[in-house]
């Protein structure tokens, strides 16, 4: 029996949320270390436009790394804080397209986050 099968659902969700929270913290640090973290926060108008975008990852409104820093990470932290169900996601393929070769650790960390969300971890 796997670890998740032994664990009551509420504990399982709590453990996943804790692991995801740590993974998001690590993502932020890695992005900063790799020089990917944006130097400035986009204006409220730009962020509002990005939130209205129908294009995946709002790449028509802001750079992918800004979407990660100012939309994805904060939104995931809200989901964790509100104990909402984690959405299934596959961000790694987009990161491989939009991030340059210097972002290999960021891409690896995003794969970890994808795996946590799809329950391949914990």
N, C-alpha and C. Protein backbone atom coordinates (compact mmCIF):
# COMPACT_ATOMS: atom_id res chain seq x y z
N UNK A 1 0.84 -1.17 0.00
CA UNK A 1 0.00 0.00 0.00
C UNK A 1 0.89 1.24 0.00
N UNK A 2 0.56 2.22 -0.82
CA UNK A 2 1.39 3.42 -0.91
C UNK A 2 1.16 4.34 0.29
N UNK A 3 2.06 5.27 0.47
CA UNK A 3 1.96 6.22 1.55
C UNK A 3 0.64 6.98 1.49
N UNK A 4 0.21 7.41 0.30
CA UNK A 4 -1.02 8.18 0.18
C UNK A 4 -2.26 7.32 0.48
N UNK A 5 -2.18 6.00 0.25
CA UNK A 5 -3.32 5.14 0.56
C UNK A 5 -3.47 4.93 2.06
N UNK A 6 -2.39 5.02 2.81
CA UNK A 6 -2.43 4.86 4.26
C UNK A 6 -2.89 6.12 4.96
N UNK A 7 -2.80 7.24 4.31
CA UNK A 7 -3.02 8.53 4.93
C UNK A 7 -4.47 8.98 4.75
N UNK A 8 -5.15 9.41 5.84
CA UNK A 8 -6.50 9.97 5.66
C UNK A 8 -6.46 11.13 4.68
N UNK A 9 -7.56 11.31 3.93
CA UNK A 9 -7.60 12.32 2.87
C UNK A 9 -7.22 13.71 3.37
N UNK A 10 -7.74 14.13 4.52
CA UNK A 10 -7.44 15.48 5.02
C UNK A 10 -5.96 15.63 5.36
N UNK A 11 -5.36 14.59 5.93
CA UNK A 11 -3.92 14.65 6.22
C UNK A 11 -3.13 14.66 4.92
N UNK A 12 -3.57 13.87 3.97
CA UNK A 12 -2.88 13.80 2.68
C UNK A 12 -2.88 15.18 2.03
N UNK A 13 -4.04 15.85 2.01
CA UNK A 13 -4.13 17.19 1.41
C UNK A 13 -3.23 18.16 2.16
N UNK A 14 -3.23 18.07 3.49
CA UNK A 14 -2.40 18.96 4.30
C UNK A 14 -0.92 18.73 4.02
N UNK A 15 -0.52 17.48 3.92
CA UNK A 15 0.89 17.17 3.64
C UNK A 15 1.28 17.68 2.26
N UNK A 16 0.41 17.46 1.27
CA UNK A 16 0.69 17.95 -0.08
C UNK A 16 0.81 19.46 -0.09
N UNK A 17 -0.07 20.13 0.65
CA UNK A 17 -0.04 21.59 0.69
C UNK A 17 1.26 22.09 1.32
N UNK A 18 1.70 21.42 2.36
CA UNK A 18 2.95 21.79 3.01
C UNK A 18 4.15 21.60 2.06
N UNK A 19 4.16 20.48 1.37
CA UNK A 19 5.23 20.21 0.41
C UNK A 19 5.18 21.21 -0.74
N UNK A 20 3.99 21.53 -1.21
CA UNK A 20 3.84 22.50 -2.29
C UNK A 20 4.29 23.88 -1.84
N UNK A 21 3.94 24.27 -0.63
CA UNK A 21 4.36 25.57 -0.12
C UNK A 21 5.89 25.68 -0.10
N UNK A 22 6.54 24.64 0.37
CA UNK A 22 8.01 24.61 0.38
C UNK A 22 8.56 24.65 -1.04
N UNK A 23 7.93 23.93 -1.96
CA UNK A 23 8.37 23.91 -3.36
C UNK A 23 8.23 25.29 -4.00
N UNK A 24 7.18 26.03 -3.65
CA UNK A 24 7.01 27.39 -4.17
C UNK A 24 8.09 28.31 -3.62
N UNK A 25 8.40 28.18 -2.33
CA UNK A 25 9.49 28.97 -1.73
C UNK A 25 10.80 28.68 -2.46
N UNK A 26 11.05 27.40 -2.71
CA UNK A 26 12.28 27.01 -3.41
C UNK A 26 12.29 27.56 -4.84
N UNK A 27 11.14 27.55 -5.50
CA UNK A 27 11.06 28.10 -6.85
C UNK A 27 11.46 29.56 -6.86
N UNK A 28 10.96 30.32 -5.91
CA UNK A 28 11.30 31.74 -5.84
C UNK A 28 12.81 31.94 -5.65
N UNK A 29 13.39 31.19 -4.74
CA UNK A 29 14.84 31.29 -4.49
C UNK A 29 15.63 30.91 -5.74
N UNK A 30 15.25 29.81 -6.37
CA UNK A 30 15.97 29.34 -7.57
C UNK A 30 15.87 30.37 -8.68
N UNK A 31 14.68 30.93 -8.88
CA UNK A 31 14.51 31.95 -9.93
C UNK A 31 15.42 33.15 -9.65
N UNK A 32 15.54 33.53 -8.39
CA UNK A 32 16.42 34.65 -8.03
C UNK A 32 17.88 34.27 -8.29
N UNK A 33 18.27 33.07 -7.88
CA UNK A 33 19.65 32.63 -8.07
C UNK A 33 20.02 32.54 -9.55
N UNK A 34 19.06 32.14 -10.38
CA UNK A 34 19.33 32.00 -11.81
C UNK A 34 19.15 33.31 -12.57
N UNK A 35 18.78 34.37 -11.87
CA UNK A 35 18.59 35.66 -12.53
C UNK A 35 17.33 35.75 -13.36
N UNK A 36 16.36 34.89 -13.06
CA UNK A 36 15.10 34.86 -13.81
C UNK A 36 14.03 35.70 -13.13
N UNK A 37 14.14 35.87 -11.81
CA UNK A 37 13.12 36.64 -11.07
C UNK A 37 13.10 38.07 -11.63
N UNK A 38 11.91 38.58 -11.97
CA UNK A 38 11.82 39.92 -12.55
C UNK A 38 12.34 41.00 -11.60
N UNK A 39 12.96 42.03 -12.19
CA UNK A 39 13.50 43.13 -11.40
C UNK A 39 12.41 44.01 -10.79
N UNK A 40 11.29 44.14 -11.49
CA UNK A 40 10.22 45.01 -11.02
C UNK A 40 8.87 44.33 -11.20
N UNK A 41 7.96 44.63 -10.26
CA UNK A 41 6.61 44.10 -10.36
C UNK A 41 5.86 44.88 -11.44
N UNK A 42 5.11 44.17 -12.27
CA UNK A 42 4.31 44.87 -13.29
C UNK A 42 3.27 45.77 -12.63
N UNK A 43 2.82 46.75 -13.37
CA UNK A 43 1.78 47.65 -12.84
C UNK A 43 0.49 46.87 -12.63
N UNK A 44 -0.39 47.43 -11.83
CA UNK A 44 -1.70 46.81 -11.59
C UNK A 44 -2.45 46.61 -12.91
N UNK A 45 -2.33 47.58 -13.81
CA UNK A 45 -3.00 47.51 -15.11
C UNK A 45 -2.48 46.31 -15.92
N UNK A 46 -1.18 46.12 -15.93
CA UNK A 46 -0.59 44.99 -16.66
C UNK A 46 -1.03 43.66 -16.02
N UNK A 47 -1.01 43.60 -14.70
CA UNK A 47 -1.44 42.37 -14.03
C UNK A 47 -2.92 42.09 -14.28
N UNK A 48 -3.75 43.12 -14.23
CA UNK A 48 -5.18 42.94 -14.53
C UNK A 48 -5.38 42.43 -15.95
N UNK A 49 -4.61 42.98 -16.89
CA UNK A 49 -4.69 42.54 -18.28
C UNK A 49 -4.28 41.07 -18.39
N UNK A 50 -3.23 40.70 -17.69
CA UNK A 50 -2.75 39.32 -17.71
C UNK A 50 -3.80 38.38 -17.13
N UNK A 51 -4.47 38.80 -16.07
CA UNK A 51 -5.49 37.97 -15.46
C UNK A 51 -6.70 37.77 -16.37
N UNK A 52 -6.92 38.71 -17.28
CA UNK A 52 -8.03 38.62 -18.24
C UNK A 52 -7.63 37.86 -19.51
N UNK A 53 -6.36 37.63 -19.68
CA UNK A 53 -5.86 36.98 -20.90
C UNK A 53 -6.43 35.58 -21.06
N UNK A 54 -6.71 35.22 -22.29
CA UNK A 54 -7.15 33.85 -22.59
C UNK A 54 -6.00 33.02 -23.16
N UNK A 55 -4.85 33.66 -23.31
CA UNK A 55 -3.66 32.97 -23.82
C UNK A 55 -3.00 32.24 -22.64
N UNK A 56 -2.63 30.97 -22.81
CA UNK A 56 -1.98 30.26 -21.71
C UNK A 56 -0.78 31.03 -21.14
N UNK A 57 -0.73 31.08 -19.83
CA UNK A 57 0.35 31.73 -19.09
C UNK A 57 0.42 33.23 -19.36
N UNK A 58 -0.63 33.80 -19.97
CA UNK A 58 -0.75 35.24 -20.22
C UNK A 58 0.47 35.82 -20.93
N UNK A 59 1.11 35.01 -21.78
CA UNK A 59 2.32 35.48 -22.45
C UNK A 59 2.07 36.60 -23.45
N UNK A 60 0.80 36.88 -23.73
CA UNK A 60 0.49 38.04 -24.57
C UNK A 60 0.52 39.34 -23.76
N UNK A 61 0.53 39.21 -22.42
CA UNK A 61 0.47 40.38 -21.56
C UNK A 61 1.76 40.66 -20.79
N UNK A 62 2.50 39.59 -20.47
CA UNK A 62 3.76 39.76 -19.74
C UNK A 62 4.65 38.56 -19.95
N UNK A 63 5.94 38.73 -19.67
CA UNK A 63 6.88 37.61 -19.84
C UNK A 63 6.52 36.44 -18.92
N UNK A 64 6.83 35.24 -19.36
CA UNK A 64 6.52 34.03 -18.61
C UNK A 64 7.04 34.10 -17.18
N UNK A 65 8.27 34.59 -17.00
CA UNK A 65 8.85 34.65 -15.65
C UNK A 65 8.07 35.62 -14.77
N UNK A 66 7.50 36.68 -15.34
CA UNK A 66 6.65 37.59 -14.55
C UNK A 66 5.34 36.91 -14.19
N UNK A 67 4.81 36.09 -15.11
CA UNK A 67 3.61 35.32 -14.79
C UNK A 67 3.88 34.39 -13.62
N UNK A 68 5.03 33.70 -13.64
CA UNK A 68 5.39 32.82 -12.53
C UNK A 68 5.47 33.60 -11.21
N UNK A 69 6.20 34.71 -11.24
CA UNK A 69 6.49 35.46 -10.02
C UNK A 69 5.28 36.18 -9.45
N UNK A 70 4.45 36.75 -10.31
CA UNK A 70 3.42 37.66 -9.81
C UNK A 70 1.99 37.17 -9.99
N UNK A 71 1.81 36.05 -10.68
CA UNK A 71 0.46 35.48 -10.81
C UNK A 71 0.46 34.04 -10.26
N UNK A 72 1.31 33.18 -10.80
CA UNK A 72 1.28 31.77 -10.42
C UNK A 72 1.61 31.56 -8.94
N UNK A 73 2.77 32.02 -8.48
CA UNK A 73 3.18 31.77 -7.10
C UNK A 73 2.17 32.37 -6.12
N UNK A 74 1.77 33.65 -6.27
CA UNK A 74 0.77 34.18 -5.33
C UNK A 74 -0.57 33.42 -5.37
N UNK A 75 -1.02 33.04 -6.56
CA UNK A 75 -2.29 32.32 -6.67
C UNK A 75 -2.20 30.95 -5.98
N UNK A 76 -1.08 30.26 -6.16
CA UNK A 76 -0.91 28.96 -5.51
C UNK A 76 -0.87 29.11 -4.00
N UNK A 77 -0.26 30.18 -3.51
CA UNK A 77 -0.22 30.41 -2.06
C UNK A 77 -1.62 30.68 -1.51
N UNK A 78 -2.46 31.36 -2.28
CA UNK A 78 -3.86 31.59 -1.87
C UNK A 78 -4.60 30.25 -1.83
N UNK A 79 -4.41 29.43 -2.84
CA UNK A 79 -5.07 28.11 -2.87
C UNK A 79 -4.67 27.29 -1.65
N UNK A 80 -3.39 27.33 -1.29
CA UNK A 80 -2.91 26.60 -0.12
C UNK A 80 -3.53 27.17 1.16
N UNK A 81 -3.50 28.49 1.29
CA UNK A 81 -4.02 29.14 2.50
C UNK A 81 -5.51 28.89 2.69
N UNK A 82 -6.23 28.83 1.58
CA UNK A 82 -7.68 28.61 1.65
C UNK A 82 -8.05 27.13 1.63
N UNK A 83 -7.02 26.28 1.65
CA UNK A 83 -7.21 24.82 1.66
C UNK A 83 -8.09 24.33 0.51
N UNK A 84 -7.90 24.97 -0.64
CA UNK A 84 -8.62 24.55 -1.84
C UNK A 84 -7.92 23.35 -2.47
N UNK A 85 -8.64 22.63 -3.32
CA UNK A 85 -8.06 21.51 -4.04
C UNK A 85 -7.03 22.03 -5.03
N UNK A 86 -5.89 21.38 -5.07
CA UNK A 86 -4.85 21.78 -6.01
C UNK A 86 -5.27 21.45 -7.43
N UNK A 87 -5.09 22.38 -8.34
CA UNK A 87 -5.44 22.09 -9.73
C UNK A 87 -4.38 21.18 -10.36
N UNK A 88 -4.82 20.36 -11.30
CA UNK A 88 -3.85 19.60 -12.09
C UNK A 88 -3.15 20.62 -12.99
N UNK A 89 -1.87 20.48 -13.18
CA UNK A 89 -1.16 21.44 -14.01
C UNK A 89 0.06 20.81 -14.65
N UNK A 90 0.44 21.38 -15.75
CA UNK A 90 1.65 20.99 -16.47
C UNK A 90 2.33 22.28 -16.93
N UNK A 91 3.11 22.88 -16.05
CA UNK A 91 3.78 24.14 -16.34
C UNK A 91 5.14 23.91 -16.96
N UNK A 92 5.75 22.78 -16.67
CA UNK A 92 7.10 22.49 -17.16
C UNK A 92 7.24 22.62 -18.68
N UNK A 93 6.34 22.07 -19.48
CA UNK A 93 6.51 22.22 -20.94
C UNK A 93 6.54 23.68 -21.39
N UNK A 94 5.73 24.52 -20.78
CA UNK A 94 5.76 25.95 -21.13
C UNK A 94 7.08 26.58 -20.70
N UNK A 95 7.55 26.20 -19.53
CA UNK A 95 8.83 26.74 -19.04
C UNK A 95 9.96 26.37 -20.00
N UNK A 96 9.91 25.16 -20.53
CA UNK A 96 10.94 24.72 -21.47
C UNK A 96 10.92 25.56 -22.75
N UNK A 97 9.75 26.07 -23.10
CA UNK A 97 9.62 26.91 -24.29
C UNK A 97 10.04 28.35 -23.99
N UNK A 98 9.59 28.90 -22.86
CA UNK A 98 9.74 30.34 -22.61
C UNK A 98 10.98 30.74 -21.82
N UNK A 99 11.61 29.83 -21.10
CA UNK A 99 12.79 30.19 -20.33
C UNK A 99 14.05 29.85 -21.11
N UNK A 100 15.08 30.67 -20.94
CA UNK A 100 16.33 30.40 -21.65
C UNK A 100 17.10 29.27 -20.96
N UNK A 101 18.20 28.91 -21.52
CA UNK A 101 19.00 27.79 -21.02
C UNK A 101 19.48 28.00 -19.59
N UNK A 102 19.56 29.25 -19.14
CA UNK A 102 20.00 29.51 -17.77
C UNK A 102 18.96 29.09 -16.73
N UNK A 103 17.76 28.77 -17.17
CA UNK A 103 16.69 28.44 -16.25
C UNK A 103 16.49 26.96 -15.99
N UNK A 104 17.53 26.16 -16.14
CA UNK A 104 17.37 24.71 -16.00
C UNK A 104 16.93 24.29 -14.60
N UNK A 105 17.41 24.96 -13.55
CA UNK A 105 16.99 24.62 -12.18
C UNK A 105 15.55 25.07 -11.94
N UNK A 106 15.16 26.19 -12.53
CA UNK A 106 13.78 26.66 -12.42
C UNK A 106 12.85 25.64 -13.09
N UNK A 107 13.24 25.18 -14.27
CA UNK A 107 12.44 24.18 -14.98
C UNK A 107 12.32 22.90 -14.16
N UNK A 108 13.41 22.46 -13.56
CA UNK A 108 13.38 21.25 -12.73
C UNK A 108 12.46 21.45 -11.52
N UNK A 109 12.49 22.64 -10.93
CA UNK A 109 11.63 22.91 -9.77
C UNK A 109 10.16 22.96 -10.20
N UNK A 110 9.89 23.49 -11.37
CA UNK A 110 8.52 23.49 -11.87
C UNK A 110 8.03 22.07 -12.12
N UNK A 111 8.92 21.17 -12.54
CA UNK A 111 8.54 19.77 -12.70
C UNK A 111 8.17 19.18 -11.35
N UNK A 112 8.90 19.52 -10.32
CA UNK A 112 8.58 19.07 -8.97
C UNK A 112 7.19 19.54 -8.57
N UNK A 113 6.89 20.81 -8.86
CA UNK A 113 5.58 21.38 -8.53
C UNK A 113 4.48 20.68 -9.34
N UNK A 114 4.72 20.45 -10.62
CA UNK A 114 3.75 19.70 -11.44
C UNK A 114 3.49 18.32 -10.83
N UNK A 115 4.56 17.65 -10.40
CA UNK A 115 4.42 16.32 -9.82
C UNK A 115 3.64 16.34 -8.52
N UNK A 116 3.88 17.34 -7.68
CA UNK A 116 3.14 17.46 -6.42
C UNK A 116 1.65 17.65 -6.72
N UNK A 117 1.35 18.53 -7.65
CA UNK A 117 -0.05 18.81 -7.99
C UNK A 117 -0.75 17.59 -8.57
N UNK A 118 0.01 16.75 -9.27
CA UNK A 118 -0.61 15.56 -9.87
C UNK A 118 -0.42 14.32 -8.99
N UNK A 119 0.04 14.55 -7.76
CA UNK A 119 0.20 13.51 -6.74
C UNK A 119 1.24 12.45 -7.09
N UNK A 120 2.25 12.83 -7.88
CA UNK A 120 3.35 11.90 -8.14
C UNK A 120 4.38 11.95 -7.02
N UNK A 121 4.16 12.87 -6.08
CA UNK A 121 5.07 13.05 -4.96
C UNK A 121 4.24 13.09 -3.70
N UNK A 122 4.89 12.89 -2.56
CA UNK A 122 4.29 12.95 -1.22
C UNK A 122 3.55 11.67 -0.90
